[in-house]
Amino acid sequence: MSDASKCYDLFCFEARARLHNTERVYSRGEYVTDYRYQLEFSLASADPNAFKFTCRTIPFFIRTGNAQCWKALCTLAWDYFFMGDVDETKIENFPIHQKASWDEIECMLQSNFRDRLGRELTSENIQYLRHLIMQGNRNGGSISWDDFHYGFRIGNSKHTVGEWIFACLETLAKPENSLKELWRSGHIIGFICKNEANRILDNELKGVCLVRFSEQKPGAITIPYTNSYTYIQDLPKFCILAILMCMDWINIDMSPGLQRGQTVMKMIVHFFELSGEKRLDAI
């Protein structure tokens, strides 16, 4: 028997999927995204000088539909931020961080936007998000996991603030939306309330717009702009619908010359021109 063939007798390899869930304390029902899974790989020798090597993945989810994506991302961001060394983390004793301070929440959000988009949230963005999160806070200066994921609702929406934030992050991060570079360059304000957007545009020349996230639909963008009469108004509803549907790669042709491969900003310019305006400057 050759030396090479002998080597195959020295090792055994085992892969196991540990399908254990982590218990959570919440009061609004059970969700698929509350279950954690982990893959564990073991490598052991069979000779007298035995050794064993084990590695495991960070906990992950198995989702059953796209509707669960935002809640899963929100939960993963929380868990990964407060999780210790992955080599020491086992799904059976997964650490459950039930409450966090606002400073910790801010750090968690900044790290996610920095890592995925290449630019952090501005101080104005943070102030706006803090207001959304803290306005319904029942725990003084701390935010509970339950409230962040299930309790705090944004406006009249059925979605939570946590889901909404990570839906917006996904909109910016998707390559097909062509928004990542616009975010990096500061051309997308994104996280700003409607009244503040109106205040900013009230001092601008006609034909100026800004891009902000809608509070009614997670991940949706709305583009208020100043028209020829210096009034502040949103683009027509069908324009926003077309932009959102193109973001999701649904082929829609609502006007001549609109190509599926155009970037979102080009589509905004296109719709703006249809409204009769001559100029569009993003601020």
Protein backbone atom coordinates (compact mmCIF):
# COMPACT_ATOMS: atom_id res chain seq x y z
CA MET A 1 0.00 0.00 0.00
CA SER A 2 1.40 3.39 -0.95
CA ASP A 3 1.98 6.19 1.51
CA ALA A 4 -0.74 8.21 -0.21
CA SER A 5 -3.36 5.49 0.28
CA LYS A 6 -2.39 5.08 3.94
CA CYS A 7 -3.25 8.72 4.55
CA TYR A 8 -6.88 8.05 3.76
CA ASP A 9 -7.09 5.62 6.70
CA LEU A 10 -5.90 8.17 9.23
CA PHE A 11 -8.77 10.64 9.14
CA CYS A 12 -12.52 10.59 9.39
CA PHE A 13 -14.63 13.59 8.47
CA GLU A 14 -18.05 14.38 9.85
CA ALA A 15 -20.49 17.18 9.06
CA ARG A 16 -23.57 17.76 11.18
CA ALA A 17 -26.39 20.25 10.90
CA ARG A 18 -27.56 21.24 14.34
CA LEU A 19 -31.22 22.12 14.01
CA HIS A 20 -31.73 23.71 17.39
CA ASN A 21 -33.66 26.90 17.97
CA THR A 22 -32.74 29.68 20.36
CA GLU A 23 -35.46 30.65 22.80
CA ARG A 24 -36.62 34.24 22.66
CA VAL A 25 -38.86 36.17 25.02
CA TYR A 26 -41.50 37.90 22.96
CA SER A 27 -45.24 38.36 23.09
CA ARG A 28 -46.40 38.55 19.49
CA GLY A 29 -46.30 35.02 18.20
CA GLU A 30 -43.69 32.79 16.67
CA TYR A 31 -41.77 33.57 13.48
CA VAL A 32 -39.60 31.45 11.22
CA THR A 33 -36.78 33.94 11.75
CA ASP A 34 -36.72 33.18 15.48
CA TYR A 35 -35.05 29.84 14.79
CA ARG A 36 -31.28 29.53 14.59
CA TYR A 37 -29.27 26.88 12.75
CA GLN A 38 -25.60 26.08 12.76
CA LEU A 39 -23.30 23.81 10.75
CA GLU A 40 -20.54 22.02 12.61
CA PHE A 41 -17.59 20.30 10.93
CA SER A 42 -15.28 17.87 12.73
CA LEU A 43 -12.00 16.34 11.57
CA ALA A 44 -10.37 13.64 13.68
CA SER A 45 -7.40 11.31 13.32
CA ALA A 46 -7.60 7.57 13.92
CA ASP A 47 -3.95 6.95 14.81
CA PRO A 48 -2.56 6.64 18.37
CA ASN A 49 -1.65 10.35 18.41
CA ALA A 50 -5.29 11.29 18.01
CA PHE A 51 -6.45 14.84 17.53
CA LYS A 52 -9.75 16.44 16.71
CA PHE A 53 -10.40 19.64 14.81
CA THR A 54 -13.84 21.25 14.95
CA CYS A 55 -15.17 24.37 13.30
CA ARG A 56 -18.67 25.76 13.17
CA THR A 57 -20.51 28.42 11.24
CA ILE A 58 -22.06 31.50 12.71
CA PRO A 59 -25.79 30.99 13.38
CA PHE A 60 -28.03 31.44 10.35
CA PHE A 61 -31.69 31.34 9.32
CA ILE A 62 -33.69 29.31 6.87
CA ARG A 63 -36.45 31.53 5.53
CA THR A 64 -39.44 30.30 3.57
CA GLY A 65 -40.21 33.48 1.61
CA ASN A 66 -38.94 36.93 0.62
CA ALA A 67 -41.30 38.59 3.08
CA GLN A 68 -39.14 37.28 5.96
CA CYS A 69 -35.91 38.73 4.60
CA TRP A 70 -36.03 42.09 6.40
CA LYS A 71 -36.92 40.58 9.77
CA ALA A 72 -34.14 38.01 9.36
CA LEU A 73 -31.57 40.69 8.50
CA CYS A 74 -32.69 42.76 11.46
CA THR A 75 -32.32 39.83 13.84
CA LEU A 76 -28.97 38.75 12.41
CA ALA A 77 -27.57 42.26 12.77
CA TRP A 78 -28.57 42.32 16.44
CA ASP A 79 -27.26 38.83 17.20
CA TYR A 80 -23.96 39.22 15.34
CA PHE A 81 -23.23 42.57 16.96
CA PHE A 82 -23.60 41.20 20.49
CA MET A 83 -22.22 37.73 19.76
CA GLY A 84 -18.78 36.86 21.09
CA ASP A 85 -16.12 34.75 19.39
CA VAL A 86 -17.81 32.52 16.82
CA ASP A 87 -15.44 29.67 17.70
CA GLU A 88 -16.80 29.74 21.23
CA THR A 89 -20.45 30.12 20.22
CA LYS A 90 -22.64 27.03 20.15
CA ILE A 91 -26.27 27.06 19.18
CA GLU A 92 -27.24 25.22 22.39
CA ASN A 93 -26.00 28.09 24.56
CA PHE A 94 -26.35 30.95 22.09
CA PRO A 95 -26.07 34.24 24.01
CA ILE A 96 -29.33 36.16 24.08
CA HIS A 97 -28.85 39.90 24.47
CA GLN A 98 -32.26 41.14 25.54
CA LYS A 99 -31.61 44.88 25.93
CA ALA A 100 -29.27 47.45 24.42
CA SER A 101 -28.52 51.11 24.99
CA TRP A 102 -29.06 53.65 22.23
CA ASP A 103 -25.27 53.98 21.81
CA GLU A 104 -25.08 50.24 21.13
CA ILE A 105 -27.96 50.41 18.64
CA GLU A 106 -26.27 53.31 16.85
CA CYS A 107 -22.97 51.42 16.69
CA MET A 108 -24.77 48.35 15.31
CA LEU A 109 -26.49 50.36 12.57
CA GLN A 110 -23.33 52.26 11.64
CA SER A 111 -21.30 49.06 11.31
CA ASN A 112 -23.93 47.52 9.00
CA PHE A 113 -24.16 50.57 6.73
CA ARG A 114 -20.38 51.00 6.66
CA ASP A 115 -19.68 47.35 5.86
CA ARG A 116 -22.36 46.96 3.19
CA LEU A 117 -22.45 50.41 1.59
CA GLY A 118 -19.07 51.98 2.28
CA ARG A 119 -20.49 55.02 4.08
CA GLU A 120 -21.98 55.46 7.50
CA LEU A 121 -25.20 57.22 8.40
CA THR A 122 -24.94 60.97 8.88
CA SER A 123 -25.62 62.63 12.22
CA GLU A 124 -28.95 63.84 10.78
CA ASN A 125 -29.82 60.27 9.74
CA ILE A 126 -28.99 59.02 13.23
CA GLN A 127 -31.08 61.72 14.88
CA TYR A 128 -34.06 60.80 12.70
CA LEU A 129 -33.71 57.05 13.38
CA ARG A 130 -33.28 57.65 17.08
CA HIS A 131 -36.58 59.53 17.13
CA LEU A 132 -38.34 56.66 15.34
CA ILE A 133 -36.94 54.05 17.72
CA MET A 134 -37.16 55.92 21.01
CA GLN A 135 -40.59 57.52 20.59
CA GLY A 136 -42.33 54.28 21.56
CA ASN A 137 -39.71 53.11 24.03
CA ARG A 138 -41.08 51.64 27.25
CA ASN A 139 -37.75 50.86 28.91
CA GLY A 140 -36.28 54.24 29.72
CA GLY A 141 -32.86 54.59 28.14
CA SER A 142 -32.61 51.01 26.84
CA ILE A 143 -34.19 49.25 23.85
CA SER A 144 -35.35 45.66 24.23
CA TRP A 145 -34.91 43.03 21.52
CA ASP A 146 -38.66 42.44 21.60
CA ASP A 147 -39.52 46.08 20.95
CA PHE A 148 -36.89 46.58 18.24
CA HIS A 149 -38.08 43.53 16.29
CA TYR A 150 -41.79 43.37 17.11
CA GLY A 151 -42.96 46.39 19.09
CA PHE A 152 -41.99 49.67 17.47
CA ARG A 153 -44.13 50.36 14.40
CA ILE A 154 -43.28 53.01 11.85
CA GLY A 155 -46.19 55.37 11.27
CA ASN A 156 -49.37 53.49 10.41
CA SER A 157 -47.42 50.65 8.81
CA LYS A 158 -47.66 47.06 10.01
CA HIS A 159 -43.88 46.82 9.77
CA THR A 160 -41.53 47.46 12.67
CA VAL A 161 -38.82 50.11 12.72
CA GLY A 162 -36.15 47.40 12.70
CA GLU A 163 -37.61 45.77 9.58
CA TRP A 164 -37.99 49.15 7.89
CA ILE A 165 -34.37 50.17 8.48
CA PHE A 166 -32.97 46.96 7.02
CA ALA A 167 -35.42 47.05 4.11
CA CYS A 168 -33.99 50.47 3.26
CA LEU A 169 -30.46 49.10 3.62
CA GLU A 170 -31.31 46.29 1.19
CA THR A 171 -32.69 48.79 -1.33
CA LEU A 172 -29.40 50.71 -1.25
CA ALA A 173 -27.23 47.59 -1.34
CA LYS A 174 -28.83 45.73 -4.26
CA PRO A 175 -26.55 46.10 -7.32
CA GLU A 176 -29.49 46.18 -9.72
CA ASN A 177 -30.83 49.34 -8.07
CA SER A 178 -27.65 51.33 -8.86
CA LEU A 179 -28.04 53.33 -5.65
CA LYS A 180 -24.90 52.35 -3.76
CA GLU A 181 -22.61 54.92 -5.38
CA LEU A 182 -25.25 57.63 -4.98
CA TRP A 183 -25.37 56.83 -1.26
CA ARG A 184 -21.58 56.89 -0.98
CA SER A 185 -21.36 60.25 -2.72
CA GLY A 186 -24.00 61.72 -0.41
CA HIS A 187 -26.62 62.29 -3.12
CA ILE A 188 -29.20 60.26 -1.21
CA ILE A 189 -30.34 61.67 2.12
CA GLY A 190 -32.64 58.71 2.66
CA PHE A 191 -33.45 58.91 6.35
CA ILE A 192 -35.25 62.19 6.82
CA CYS A 193 -38.81 63.04 7.83
CA LYS A 194 -41.26 64.60 5.41
CA ASN A 195 -41.43 67.93 7.27
CA GLU A 196 -37.64 68.28 7.29
CA ALA A 197 -37.50 67.45 3.58
CA ASN A 198 -40.05 70.19 2.93
CA ARG A 199 -38.05 72.65 5.00
CA ILE A 200 -34.87 71.93 3.01
CA LEU A 201 -36.58 72.18 -0.36
CA ASP A 202 -38.42 75.33 0.62
CA ASN A 203 -35.12 77.22 0.33
CA GLU A 204 -34.06 75.68 -2.99
CA LEU A 205 -34.51 76.76 -6.58
CA LYS A 206 -37.05 75.08 -8.82
CA GLY A 207 -36.12 71.71 -10.22
CA VAL A 208 -34.32 70.56 -7.07
CA CYS A 209 -35.22 67.22 -5.52
CA LEU A 210 -34.05 64.93 -2.76
CA VAL A 211 -34.38 61.18 -2.34
CA ARG A 212 -35.83 59.90 0.92
CA PHE A 213 -37.27 56.62 2.13
CA SER A 214 -41.03 56.32 2.39
CA GLU A 215 -42.33 55.60 5.88
CA GLN A 216 -45.37 53.83 4.44
CA LYS A 217 -43.63 51.07 2.50
CA PRO A 218 -40.33 49.49 3.65
CA GLY A 219 -37.52 50.02 1.17
CA ALA A 220 -39.54 52.39 -1.01
CA ILE A 221 -38.12 55.72 -2.10
CA THR A 222 -40.00 58.96 -2.58
CA ILE A 223 -38.66 62.01 -4.41
CA PRO A 224 -40.10 65.37 -3.34
CA TYR A 225 -39.07 68.24 -5.64
CA THR A 226 -39.73 71.92 -6.28
CA ASN A 227 -41.74 72.65 -9.40
CA SER A 228 -41.89 75.74 -11.61
CA TYR A 229 -44.12 77.51 -9.11
CA THR A 230 -41.75 76.71 -6.21
CA TYR A 231 -44.34 74.44 -4.63
CA ILE A 232 -43.05 71.28 -3.00
CA GLN A 233 -44.66 68.10 -4.21
CA ASP A 234 -43.89 64.43 -4.70
CA LEU A 235 -43.52 62.83 -8.07
CA PRO A 236 -46.77 61.32 -9.38
CA LYS A 237 -47.79 58.05 -7.77
CA PHE A 238 -47.35 56.05 -10.96
CA CYS A 239 -43.74 57.26 -11.21
CA ILE A 240 -42.88 55.97 -7.76
CA LEU A 241 -44.65 52.70 -8.52
CA ALA A 242 -42.66 52.28 -11.72
CA ILE A 243 -39.37 52.95 -9.93
CA LEU A 244 -40.18 50.49 -7.16
CA MET A 245 -41.23 47.78 -9.59
CA CYS A 246 -38.10 48.26 -11.66
CA MET A 247 -36.09 47.97 -8.45
CA ASP A 248 -37.58 44.52 -8.01
CA TRP A 249 -36.75 43.66 -11.62
CA ILE A 250 -40.39 43.43 -12.67
CA ASN A 251 -40.58 44.39 -16.31
CA ILE A 252 -42.94 47.33 -16.54
CA ASP A 253 -43.33 49.74 -19.44
CA MET A 254 -45.37 52.75 -18.38
CA SER A 255 -43.87 55.26 -20.82
CA PRO A 256 -42.04 55.17 -24.18
CA GLY A 257 -38.29 54.80 -24.08
CA LEU A 258 -38.03 53.43 -20.55
CA GLN A 259 -35.57 50.56 -20.67
CA ARG A 260 -35.34 47.87 -18.03
CA GLY A 261 -31.59 48.27 -17.58
CA GLN A 262 -31.66 51.99 -16.77
CA THR A 263 -30.52 53.07 -13.32
CA VAL A 264 -33.01 54.38 -10.82
CA MET A 265 -31.67 57.92 -11.07
CA LYS A 266 -32.04 57.88 -14.86
CA MET A 267 -35.62 56.76 -14.39
CA ILE A 268 -36.20 59.59 -11.93
CA VAL A 269 -34.88 62.08 -14.46
CA HIS A 270 -37.04 60.50 -17.16
CA PHE A 271 -40.22 60.76 -15.10
CA PHE A 272 -39.32 64.26 -13.99
CA GLU A 273 -39.05 65.35 -17.61
CA LEU A 274 -42.46 63.81 -18.28
CA SER A 275 -43.92 66.08 -15.62
CA GLY A 276 -42.91 69.11 -17.72
CA GLU A 277 -39.87 70.25 -15.74
CA LYS A 278 -36.64 71.20 -17.47
CA ARG A 279 -34.10 70.50 -14.76
CA LEU A 280 -33.45 68.01 -11.98
CA ASP A 281 -30.70 68.43 -9.39
CA ALA A 282 -30.31 65.93 -6.58
CA ILE A 283 -29.27 67.37 -3.24
